[in-house]
Amino acid sequence: MPDDRVLVPGHTCWRVERAERFAHIVDGADYFRHVKAALLRARRRIILIGWDFDSRTTLERGDRTLAGPNQLGALLYWLLWKRAALDVHVLKSNLRLLPAFGDLWYGLTPVGLVNRLSSSRMHLAVDGAHPTGAVHHQKIVVVDDAVAFCGGIDMTLDRWDTTAHADAGRDRRTLGRGYGPRHEVAVAVDGAAARALAEIARDRWRTATGQALAPLEVAHSTWPRGLDPDLRAVEVGMARTMPRLEPQREIREIEALNLAAIAAARQVIYLENQYLASRTVVDALAARLAEPHGPEVVIVIPRRSESRLEQASMDSARQRLLHRLWEADAHSRLGVYWPVTDGGTPIYVHSKVLVIDDVLLRVGSSNLNNRSMGFDSECDVAIEAAHDSSAGEDVRTVVRSVRRGLVCEHLGVTVDEFEQRVREGASFLRAIEDLRGEGRTLRPFTEDIVAGEASPLAENELMDPDRVPRSLTSALRRLITGLTR
């Protein structure tokens, strides 16, 4: 590969493989529908890898367009009834914090209950093969090794939403209760790229269960009907994070990809993420902001984390790291925002997206926190076009289109409106500032807004370690010392 490429197998990614079709998918409504469409075409094997699954997850809401049951669990069992040669494998993280509570936790989870009722071709498992305190965070769906989805979306409750992000969505209800607007992003691939993601999924299954799954020969297309590819015949990189767990070595490809991509940026670094808590990544961004002619940096994150524990740890780390970025922004090239609905309700950003210029797009499961760099398992995919080459113009067009589509969704404006401001001479950040308004928009973080978010749990290695701690006892001692100061 050329020296200026960011995707380097064995360093910033695991492998680069060709996808005959590549498509990005924005928000849960489209994701669930496209996944269901692919599942309906399964003949041999379905593998679902995720942080969480819930059999009650409704896949289409409002007007239904696809055949079969509309809840995840019922659909999978219906497919097994329809297809005699089909097997289904579902693997979720067990979320346990201490081994002593593992059996109790497992017995109380829906997966643990369903496991006792499983059929011979419905295989469910909870993955406890990780260091104490770590979680498996990859989100992968593989159908017949022919098509694969990868992103930040779990097939569980409270994830469905449309790009409209209605202030009070009638369909945004589950188990009789409403929940807030939510923003997600994933991708779908087929060809050799899908087979590579299938290999990652099979490895996870083998590590968790001890059972090896053979690769399948792809005999038919399971590409979801209705999903138009963004690109055809494109090279796709797969990057991972895996913690050290004998005999498995530590894998930090995602961290390496983030740092190499940030260093390569020339005009714009665009980030969407659930957190902003990785000091390594923020230091790299700060170094670019300090350059006299470095790139603009635009970051879209949630206003607040969802739980009190996350607010005390991740939001407090974010407060520190935002100050690091503001101090470095001597040339006014930084914008950090959260999106809101027409009525001003914060939209929860759960996507994990990095876009560099018109050159590189990364989508996956990894957060911008320390855990995702070396402690939790993660999987991202990326496409890249060379900076100075006429080849890859299609990739550059798609990367630019995805970035503008995402920011226009947040601003509540059309892509034409945004592009008009750019044609008039506005930079990416300047166009955002010019188009921010009332109602559906992006609101900026300021020092006053985050002033009350400090906490002794900020950047604590027990809450957000970047690798397997050498001593759990010493990490606990440092946590207690910080809380009692």
Protein backbone atom coordinates (compact mmCIF):
# COMPACT_ATOMS: atom_id res chain seq x y z
CA MET A 1 0.00 0.00 0.00
CA PRO A 2 1.19 3.60 -0.61
CA ASP A 3 3.08 5.22 2.26
CA ASP A 4 0.41 7.89 2.76
CA ARG A 5 -2.35 5.39 3.53
CA VAL A 6 -3.78 5.44 7.06
CA LEU A 7 -5.12 1.87 6.87
CA VAL A 8 -2.06 -0.33 7.39
CA PRO A 9 -2.80 -4.04 8.05
CA GLY A 10 -1.10 -5.25 11.20
CA HIS A 11 -0.89 -1.73 12.64
CA THR A 12 -3.93 0.53 12.22
CA CYS A 13 -6.21 -2.33 11.18
CA TRP A 14 -6.36 -6.10 11.20
CA ARG A 15 -6.99 -6.63 7.51
CA VAL A 16 -8.16 -4.77 4.42
CA GLU A 17 -10.63 -6.73 2.33
CA ARG A 18 -12.84 -5.92 -0.63
CA ALA A 19 -16.57 -5.33 -0.23
CA GLU A 20 -18.56 -5.74 -3.41
CA ARG A 21 -21.14 -3.49 -1.74
CA PHE A 22 -20.75 -0.98 1.10
CA ALA A 23 -23.52 1.10 2.66
CA HIS A 24 -23.77 3.31 5.72
CA ILE A 25 -26.97 3.26 7.77
CA VAL A 26 -28.09 6.14 9.98
CA ASP A 27 -30.32 5.66 13.03
CA GLY A 28 -32.07 2.63 14.45
CA ALA A 29 -35.24 2.57 12.35
CA ASP A 30 -33.33 1.96 9.11
CA TYR A 31 -30.78 -0.31 10.79
CA PHE A 32 -33.37 -2.66 12.30
CA ARG A 33 -35.30 -2.79 9.03
CA HIS A 34 -32.23 -3.60 6.94
CA VAL A 35 -31.00 -6.21 9.42
CA LYS A 36 -34.42 -7.85 9.34
CA ALA A 37 -34.37 -7.86 5.53
CA ALA A 38 -30.99 -9.63 5.57
CA LEU A 39 -32.13 -12.14 8.23
CA LEU A 40 -35.10 -13.05 6.04
CA ARG A 41 -32.64 -14.19 3.34
CA ALA A 42 -30.59 -16.43 5.69
CA ARG A 43 -30.23 -20.08 4.72
CA ARG A 44 -27.34 -21.52 6.74
CA ARG A 45 -26.26 -19.41 9.70
CA ILE A 46 -26.98 -16.19 11.58
CA ILE A 47 -24.44 -14.85 14.08
CA LEU A 48 -25.41 -11.95 16.35
CA ILE A 49 -22.61 -10.47 18.47
CA GLY A 50 -23.48 -7.64 20.83
CA TRP A 51 -23.25 -5.93 24.18
CA ASP A 52 -26.94 -6.66 24.68
CA PHE A 53 -29.88 -8.32 22.97
CA ASP A 54 -33.55 -8.43 23.85
CA SER A 55 -35.93 -10.87 22.18
CA ARG A 56 -38.76 -8.31 22.54
CA THR A 57 -37.02 -5.76 20.29
CA THR A 58 -39.47 -4.51 17.64
CA LEU A 59 -37.76 -4.32 14.26
CA GLU A 60 -40.29 -2.28 12.25
CA ARG A 61 -42.56 0.34 13.78
CA GLY A 62 -45.38 2.16 12.09
CA ASP A 63 -46.00 0.79 8.59
CA ARG A 64 -44.51 -2.69 8.17
CA THR A 65 -42.78 -3.52 4.89
CA LEU A 66 -41.28 -6.96 5.52
CA ALA A 67 -42.66 -10.46 6.02
CA GLY A 68 -42.40 -12.54 9.16
CA PRO A 69 -42.72 -11.78 12.89
CA ASN A 70 -41.71 -8.30 13.91
CA GLN A 71 -39.96 -9.01 17.22
CA LEU A 72 -36.37 -10.25 17.21
CA GLY A 73 -36.88 -13.46 19.19
CA ALA A 74 -40.05 -14.49 17.36
CA LEU A 75 -38.41 -13.76 14.00
CA LEU A 76 -35.39 -15.94 14.76
CA TYR A 77 -37.53 -18.90 15.88
CA TRP A 78 -39.81 -18.43 12.86
CA LEU A 79 -36.78 -18.55 10.56
CA LEU A 80 -35.61 -21.77 12.22
CA TRP A 81 -39.07 -23.26 11.60
CA LYS A 82 -39.00 -22.15 7.94
CA ARG A 83 -35.39 -23.15 7.17
CA ALA A 84 -34.39 -26.69 8.17
CA ALA A 85 -30.67 -26.08 7.54
CA LEU A 86 -30.45 -22.79 9.49
CA ASP A 87 -28.59 -22.30 12.79
CA VAL A 88 -28.69 -19.16 14.92
CA HIS A 89 -25.88 -18.10 17.28
CA VAL A 90 -26.47 -15.20 19.69
CA LEU A 91 -23.61 -13.97 21.90
CA LYS A 92 -23.87 -11.08 24.35
CA SER A 93 -21.58 -9.61 26.98
CA ASN A 94 -22.27 -10.84 30.49
CA LEU A 95 -21.49 -7.43 32.01
CA ARG A 96 -20.20 -8.98 35.22
CA LEU A 97 -17.85 -6.85 37.28
CA LEU A 98 -16.50 -9.49 39.66
CA PRO A 99 -16.17 -13.24 39.00
CA ALA A 100 -17.84 -14.13 42.30
CA PHE A 101 -21.14 -12.74 40.99
CA GLY A 102 -20.90 -14.33 37.55
CA ASP A 103 -23.22 -17.30 38.13
CA LEU A 104 -25.83 -15.20 39.91
CA TRP A 105 -25.80 -12.54 37.18
CA TYR A 106 -25.98 -15.13 34.44
CA GLY A 107 -28.99 -16.80 36.04
CA LEU A 108 -30.86 -13.49 36.19
CA THR A 109 -30.28 -12.35 32.61
CA PRO A 110 -32.89 -12.91 29.89
CA VAL A 111 -30.24 -14.77 27.88
CA GLY A 112 -29.57 -17.10 30.80
CA LEU A 113 -33.27 -17.89 31.01
CA VAL A 114 -33.67 -18.36 27.26
CA ASN A 115 -30.61 -20.64 27.18
CA ARG A 116 -32.53 -23.23 29.19
CA LEU A 117 -35.33 -23.14 26.60
CA SER A 118 -33.13 -23.16 23.50
CA SER A 119 -33.76 -25.46 20.58
CA SER A 120 -30.98 -27.57 19.09
CA ARG A 121 -30.44 -24.96 16.37
CA MET A 122 -30.85 -21.84 18.53
CA HIS A 123 -27.54 -21.32 20.31
CA LEU A 124 -27.35 -18.56 22.93
CA ALA A 125 -24.36 -17.74 25.08
CA VAL A 126 -23.12 -15.09 27.47
CA ASP A 127 -19.46 -14.20 26.96
CA GLY A 128 -17.42 -14.23 30.15
CA ALA A 129 -14.04 -14.60 28.42
CA HIS A 130 -12.62 -11.21 29.37
CA PRO A 131 -10.59 -9.61 32.16
CA THR A 132 -12.40 -8.66 35.36
CA GLY A 133 -14.23 -5.39 34.81
CA ALA A 134 -14.00 -5.47 31.01
CA VAL A 135 -16.94 -5.99 28.65
CA HIS A 136 -17.30 -7.25 25.11
CA HIS A 137 -18.60 -4.23 23.23
CA GLN A 138 -18.46 -5.34 19.57
CA LYS A 139 -21.74 -5.15 17.62
CA ILE A 140 -21.70 -7.45 14.59
CA VAL A 141 -24.45 -9.21 12.62
CA VAL A 142 -23.41 -11.86 10.07
CA VAL A 143 -25.81 -13.66 7.72
CA ASP A 144 -24.48 -16.77 5.91
CA ASP A 145 -20.98 -15.22 5.88
CA ALA A 146 -22.34 -13.29 2.87
CA VAL A 147 -23.32 -9.97 4.44
CA ALA A 148 -22.25 -8.35 7.69
CA PHE A 149 -23.31 -5.30 9.68
CA CYS A 150 -20.95 -3.46 12.03
CA GLY A 151 -21.57 -0.34 14.07
CA GLY A 152 -22.66 1.00 17.41
CA ILE A 153 -26.23 -0.32 17.59
CA ASP A 154 -27.35 -3.18 19.85
CA MET A 155 -30.50 -5.06 18.89
CA THR A 156 -32.19 -4.30 22.17
CA LEU A 157 -34.84 -2.00 23.63
CA ASP A 158 -34.69 1.82 23.52
CA ARG A 159 -32.52 1.94 20.37
CA TRP A 160 -35.08 2.54 17.62
CA ASP A 161 -35.49 6.07 16.26
CA THR A 162 -35.81 7.79 12.89
CA THR A 163 -33.61 10.55 11.51
CA ALA A 164 -36.48 12.96 12.21
CA HIS A 165 -35.85 12.53 15.96
CA ALA A 166 -39.32 13.80 16.77
CA ASP A 167 -39.54 15.67 20.05
CA ALA A 168 -42.18 13.23 21.28
CA GLY A 169 -42.01 10.24 18.96
CA ARG A 170 -45.22 8.18 18.98
CA ASP A 171 -43.32 5.06 17.90
CA ARG A 172 -40.43 5.66 20.28
CA ARG A 173 -41.95 3.54 23.02
CA THR A 174 -41.07 0.15 24.44
CA LEU A 175 -42.86 -1.96 27.05
CA GLY A 176 -45.41 0.81 27.44
CA ARG A 177 -42.88 3.55 28.20
CA GLY A 178 -41.46 6.31 26.05
CA TYR A 179 -37.76 7.07 25.72
CA GLY A 180 -35.76 9.96 24.31
CA PRO A 181 -34.44 10.59 20.78
CA ARG A 182 -31.33 8.63 19.85
CA HIS A 183 -28.74 8.89 17.06
CA GLU A 184 -26.90 5.81 15.72
CA VAL A 185 -24.69 4.84 12.75
CA ALA A 186 -23.65 1.47 11.27
CA VAL A 187 -22.43 0.01 7.98
CA ALA A 188 -23.23 -3.06 5.88
CA VAL A 189 -20.72 -4.91 3.69
CA ASP A 190 -20.63 -8.07 1.61
CA GLY A 191 -17.90 -9.98 -0.22
CA ALA A 192 -14.52 -10.65 1.38
CA ALA A 193 -15.10 -7.85 3.92
CA ALA A 194 -18.21 -9.67 5.20
CA ARG A 195 -16.27 -12.93 5.42
CA ALA A 196 -13.57 -11.16 7.48
CA LEU A 197 -16.18 -9.83 9.93
CA ALA A 198 -17.64 -13.34 10.05
CA GLU A 199 -14.21 -14.61 11.09
CA ILE A 200 -14.12 -12.10 13.94
CA ALA A 201 -17.59 -13.24 15.03
CA ARG A 202 -16.64 -16.94 14.85
CA ASP A 203 -13.49 -16.29 16.90
CA ARG A 204 -15.59 -14.58 19.56
CA TRP A 205 -17.98 -17.55 19.65
CA ARG A 206 -15.12 -20.04 19.95
CA THR A 207 -13.42 -18.08 22.72
CA ALA A 208 -16.68 -17.75 24.66
CA THR A 209 -18.01 -21.29 24.21
CA GLY A 210 -15.12 -23.49 23.14
CA GLN A 211 -17.12 -24.42 20.02
CA ALA A 212 -15.55 -23.81 16.61
CA LEU A 213 -17.79 -22.74 13.73
CA ALA A 214 -16.58 -23.57 10.23
CA PRO A 215 -16.58 -20.82 7.59
CA LEU A 216 -19.36 -21.10 5.02
CA GLU A 217 -19.10 -21.07 1.27
CA VAL A 218 -21.18 -18.14 0.07
CA ALA A 219 -23.75 -19.58 -2.32
CA HIS A 220 -26.27 -16.74 -2.53
CA SER A 221 -26.76 -13.07 -1.78
CA THR A 222 -28.21 -12.00 1.55
CA TRP A 223 -27.79 -8.28 0.84
CA PRO A 224 -30.94 -6.62 2.26
CA ARG A 225 -33.47 -5.62 -0.35
CA GLY A 226 -34.01 -1.88 -0.26
CA LEU A 227 -30.51 -0.96 0.93
CA ASP A 228 -28.76 0.93 -1.87
CA PRO A 229 -24.95 0.61 -1.75
CA ASP A 230 -22.90 3.78 -1.38
CA LEU A 231 -19.95 2.08 -3.04
CA ARG A 232 -19.14 -1.05 -5.03
CA ALA A 233 -15.83 -2.92 -5.13
CA VAL A 234 -14.25 -0.90 -2.31
CA GLU A 235 -11.45 -1.85 0.06
CA VAL A 236 -12.59 -1.95 3.71
CA GLY A 237 -10.33 -2.06 6.77
CA MET A 238 -11.32 -3.89 9.95
CA ALA A 239 -9.80 -2.58 13.19
CA ARG A 240 -10.10 -4.15 16.63
CA THR A 241 -9.48 -3.62 20.30
CA MET A 242 -8.93 -6.77 22.36
CA PRO A 243 -7.61 -6.82 25.95
CA ARG A 244 -4.74 -9.01 27.07
CA LEU A 245 -6.15 -12.33 28.26
CA GLU A 246 -3.86 -15.34 28.02
CA PRO A 247 -3.15 -16.70 25.48
CA GLN A 248 -4.61 -13.67 23.65
CA ARG A 249 -2.28 -10.71 23.25
CA GLU A 250 -3.47 -7.13 23.60
CA ILE A 251 -4.70 -5.61 20.33
CA ARG A 252 -4.89 -1.79 19.99
CA GLU A 253 -5.54 -1.33 16.27
CA ILE A 254 -8.41 1.14 16.85
CA GLU A 255 -6.25 3.42 18.98
CA ALA A 256 -3.52 3.31 16.33
CA LEU A 257 -6.08 4.08 13.61
CA ASN A 258 -7.48 7.05 15.55
CA LEU A 259 -4.03 8.55 16.10
CA ALA A 260 -2.83 7.98 12.54
CA ALA A 261 -6.03 9.44 11.10
CA ILE A 262 -5.87 12.54 13.29
CA ALA A 263 -2.22 13.06 12.33
CA ALA A 264 -3.08 12.74 8.61
CA ALA A 265 -5.93 15.29 8.59
CA ARG A 266 -5.50 18.44 6.51
CA GLN A 267 -8.84 20.30 6.56
CA VAL A 268 -11.46 18.72 8.84
CA ILE A 269 -11.63 16.16 11.64
CA TYR A 270 -15.27 15.24 12.32
CA LEU A 271 -16.18 13.06 15.30
CA GLU A 272 -19.45 11.69 16.64
CA ASN A 273 -19.25 9.68 19.82
CA GLN A 274 -20.98 8.71 23.02
CA TYR A 275 -18.03 9.90 25.12
CA LEU A 276 -15.07 12.24 25.00
CA ALA A 277 -12.89 10.65 27.67
CA SER A 278 -9.74 9.32 25.96
CA ARG A 279 -6.78 11.48 26.92
CA THR A 280 -4.64 9.89 24.21
CA VAL A 281 -7.10 10.92 21.51
CA VAL A 282 -7.70 14.37 23.01
CA ASP A 283 -3.96 15.05 23.28
CA ALA A 284 -3.65 14.20 19.58
CA LEU A 285 -6.53 16.55 18.72
CA ALA A 286 -5.02 19.30 20.90
CA ALA A 287 -1.69 19.00 19.10
CA ARG A 288 -3.41 19.54 15.75
CA LEU A 289 -5.41 22.51 17.09
CA ALA A 290 -2.19 24.12 18.29
CA GLU A 291 -0.71 24.10 14.78
CA PRO A 292 -1.04 27.44 12.98
CA HIS A 293 -2.50 25.81 9.86
CA GLY A 294 -3.94 22.58 11.23
CA PRO A 295 -7.41 21.14 10.55
CA GLU A 296 -10.72 22.19 12.01
CA VAL A 297 -12.06 19.83 14.67
CA VAL A 298 -15.81 19.31 15.02
CA ILE A 299 -17.10 16.98 17.75
CA VAL A 300 -20.74 15.94 18.30
CA ILE A 301 -21.47 14.21 21.62
CA PRO A 302 -24.46 13.89 23.97
CA ARG A 303 -25.27 16.66 26.39
CA ARG A 304 -25.10 14.18 29.28
CA SER A 305 -24.41 10.49 29.74
CA GLU A 306 -27.35 8.23 30.52
CA SER A 307 -26.53 6.98 34.03
CA ARG A 308 -25.29 8.69 37.16
CA LEU A 309 -22.19 6.51 37.20
CA GLU A 310 -21.34 7.52 33.62
CA GLN A 311 -21.97 11.17 34.48
CA ALA A 312 -19.62 10.93 37.46
CA SER A 313 -16.88 9.20 35.46
CA MET A 314 -17.20 9.87 31.72
CA ASP A 315 -18.78 13.35 31.85
CA SER A 316 -16.29 14.51 34.47
CA ALA A 317 -13.41 13.23 32.33
CA ARG A 318 -15.00 15.03 29.39
CA GLN A 319 -15.01 18.27 31.38
CA ARG A 320 -11.26 18.02 31.97
CA LEU A 321 -10.51 17.11 28.37
CA LEU A 322 -12.71 19.85 26.93
CA HIS A 323 -10.59 22.35 28.87
CA ARG A 324 -7.51 20.71 27.34
CA LEU A 325 -8.96 21.31 23.84
CA TRP A 326 -10.12 24.85 24.56
CA GLU A 327 -6.67 25.77 25.87
CA ALA A 328 -5.08 24.36 22.70
CA ASP A 329 -7.50 26.14 20.35
CA ALA A 330 -5.41 29.25 19.82
CA HIS A 331 -6.58 29.58 16.21
CA SER A 332 -10.36 29.14 16.76
CA ARG A 333 -10.73 25.91 14.81
CA LEU A 334 -12.71 23.87 17.40
CA GLY A 335 -16.44 23.26 17.71
CA VAL A 336 -17.94 20.84 20.27
CA TYR A 337 -21.72 20.41 20.17
CA TRP A 338 -24.72 18.39 21.25
CA PRO A 339 -27.82 18.00 19.01
CA VAL A 340 -31.38 18.87 20.02
CA THR A 341 -34.84 18.24 18.59
CA ASP A 342 -37.23 20.90 17.29
CA GLY A 343 -38.51 21.27 20.85
CA GLY A 344 -35.04 21.52 22.37
CA THR A 345 -34.81 17.97 23.76
CA PRO A 346 -31.22 16.68 23.72
CA ILE A 347 -30.69 13.85 21.21
CA TYR A 348 -28.58 11.09 22.71
CA VAL A 349 -25.57 10.51 20.46
CA HIS A 350 -24.58 6.84 20.56
CA SER A 351 -22.82 6.71 17.16
CA LYS A 352 -19.08 6.13 16.89
CA VAL A 353 -17.90 7.93 13.75
CA LEU A 354 -14.62 9.48 12.63
CA VAL A 355 -14.33 11.34 9.31
CA ILE A 356 -11.02 12.76 8.12
CA ASP A 357 -11.24 15.32 5.28
CA ASP A 358 -12.86 13.68 2.25
CA VAL A 359 -10.50 10.77 2.70
CA LEU A 360 -11.39 8.42 5.55
CA LEU A 361 -14.59 7.22 7.21
CA ARG A 362 -14.52 5.00 10.30
CA VAL A 363 -17.70 3.55 11.86
CA GLY A 364 -17.96 0.94 14.57
CA SER A 365 -18.45 0.14 18.22
CA SER A 366 -15.50 1.96 19.79
CA ASN A 367 -16.03 4.92 22.08
CA LEU A 368 -13.65 7.81 22.65
CA ASN A 369 -12.82 6.58 26.12
CA ASN A 370 -9.87 4.67 27.52
CA ARG A 371 -11.70 1.33 27.73
CA SER A 372 -12.24 1.23 23.99
CA MET A 373 -8.52 1.70 23.34
CA GLY A 374 -7.28 -1.42 25.14
CA PHE A 375 -9.63 -2.92 27.76
CA ASP A 376 -13.00 -3.73 26.15
CA SER A 377 -13.41 -5.66 22.89
CA GLU A 378 -14.32 -3.43 19.93
CA CYS A 379 -14.67 -3.69 16.16
CA ASP A 380 -14.67 -0.81 13.66
CA VAL A 381 -14.60 -0.69 9.87
CA ALA A 382 -13.12 2.03 7.66
CA ILE A 383 -12.83 3.08 4.05
CA GLU A 384 -10.11 5.35 2.71
CA ALA A 385 -9.13 7.22 -0.44
CA ALA A 386 -5.61 8.42 -1.04
CA HIS A 387 -5.04 12.16 -0.41
CA ASP A 388 -3.33 13.06 -3.69
CA SER A 389 -4.64 10.69 -6.34
CA SER A 390 -7.30 10.76 -9.01
CA ALA A 391 -8.11 7.17 -8.05
CA GLY A 392 -10.69 6.76 -5.34
CA GLU A 393 -12.84 9.74 -6.29
CA ASP A 394 -15.96 7.69 -5.58
CA VAL A 395 -14.71 7.05 -2.05
CA ARG A 396 -14.01 10.74 -1.50
CA THR A 397 -17.50 11.61 -2.70
CA VAL A 398 -19.08 9.15 -0.26
CA VAL A 399 -16.93 10.22 2.69
CA ARG A 400 -17.82 13.87 2.06
CA SER A 401 -21.49 12.98 1.59
CA VAL A 402 -21.67 11.00 4.83
CA ARG A 403 -20.06 13.80 6.85
CA ARG A 404 -22.34 16.47 5.42
CA GLY A 405 -25.40 14.24 5.75
CA LEU A 406 -24.70 13.65 9.43
CA VAL A 407 -24.07 17.29 10.29
CA CYS A 408 -27.12 18.43 8.29
CA GLU A 409 -29.29 15.93 10.17
CA HIS A 410 -28.10 17.51 13.42
CA LEU A 411 -28.56 21.08 12.18
CA GLY A 412 -32.00 20.42 10.71
CA VAL A 413 -30.98 21.86 7.32
CA THR A 414 -30.71 20.40 3.84
CA VAL A 415 -27.41 19.35 2.31
CA ASP A 416 -28.01 21.96 -0.41
CA GLU A 417 -28.22 24.70 2.23
CA PHE A 418 -24.98 23.53 3.79
CA GLU A 419 -23.17 23.22 0.46
CA GLN A 420 -24.34 26.70 -0.52
CA ARG A 421 -22.59 28.15 2.54
CA VAL A 422 -19.41 26.21 1.62
CA ARG A 423 -19.61 27.50 -1.98
CA GLU A 424 -19.86 31.01 -0.56
CA GLY A 425 -16.51 30.49 1.10
CA ALA A 426 -17.38 29.17 4.55
CA SER A 427 -15.23 26.43 6.05
CA PHE A 428 -16.92 23.33 7.49
CA LEU A 429 -16.94 24.78 11.01
CA ARG A 430 -17.96 28.25 9.81
CA ALA A 431 -20.89 26.76 7.86
CA ILE A 432 -22.06 24.98 11.04
CA GLU A 433 -21.90 28.22 13.00
CA ASP A 434 -23.73 30.15 10.28
CA LEU A 435 -26.55 27.57 10.11
CA ARG A 436 -27.06 26.96 13.80
CA GLY A 437 -30.40 28.39 14.84
CA GLU A 438 -33.50 27.72 16.94
CA GLY A 439 -35.32 24.41 17.08
CA ARG A 440 -33.51 21.44 15.54
CA THR A 441 -29.86 22.38 15.76
CA LEU A 442 -26.45 21.89 17.33
CA ARG A 443 -25.74 23.65 20.61
CA PRO A 444 -22.16 24.42 21.64
CA PHE A 445 -20.46 23.26 24.81
CA THR A 446 -18.92 26.09 26.79
CA GLU A 447 -16.92 26.36 29.98
CA ASP A 448 -20.02 27.56 31.85
CA ILE A 449 -22.11 24.59 30.67
CA VAL A 450 -19.65 21.97 31.99
CA ALA A 451 -18.55 23.94 35.06
CA GLY A 452 -20.46 21.70 37.49
CA GLU A 453 -19.40 18.36 36.01
CA ALA A 454 -16.14 17.82 37.89
CA SER A 455 -15.87 14.59 39.90
CA PRO A 456 -13.11 12.60 41.66
CA LEU A 457 -14.02 9.71 39.33
CA ALA A 458 -12.70 11.62 36.31
CA GLU A 459 -10.04 9.65 34.44
CA ASN A 460 -10.01 6.97 37.12
CA GLU A 461 -8.26 3.79 36.02
CA LEU A 462 -10.78 1.53 37.72
CA MET A 463 -13.77 3.12 35.98
CA ASP A 464 -12.09 3.71 32.61
CA PRO A 465 -8.83 1.76 32.27
CA ASP A 466 -7.00 1.73 28.96
CA ARG A 467 -5.58 -1.76 29.56
CA VAL A 468 -5.82 -4.66 31.98
CA PRO A 469 -4.79 -3.25 35.40
CA ARG A 470 -1.66 -4.82 36.84
CA SER A 471 -3.26 -4.81 40.27
CA LEU A 472 -6.98 -4.58 41.01
CA THR A 473 -6.17 -3.86 44.66
CA SER A 474 -3.99 -0.85 43.86
CA ALA A 475 -6.60 0.49 41.44
CA LEU A 476 -9.27 0.22 44.15
CA ARG A 477 -6.96 1.95 46.62
CA ARG A 478 -6.39 4.86 44.23
CA LEU A 479 -10.15 5.14 43.62
CA ILE A 480 -10.90 5.26 47.36
CA THR A 481 -8.10 7.81 47.92
CA GLY A 482 -9.54 10.03 45.22
CA LEU A 483 -13.06 9.83 46.67
CA THR A 484 -11.91 10.74 50.19
CA ARG A 485 -9.65 13.68 49.35
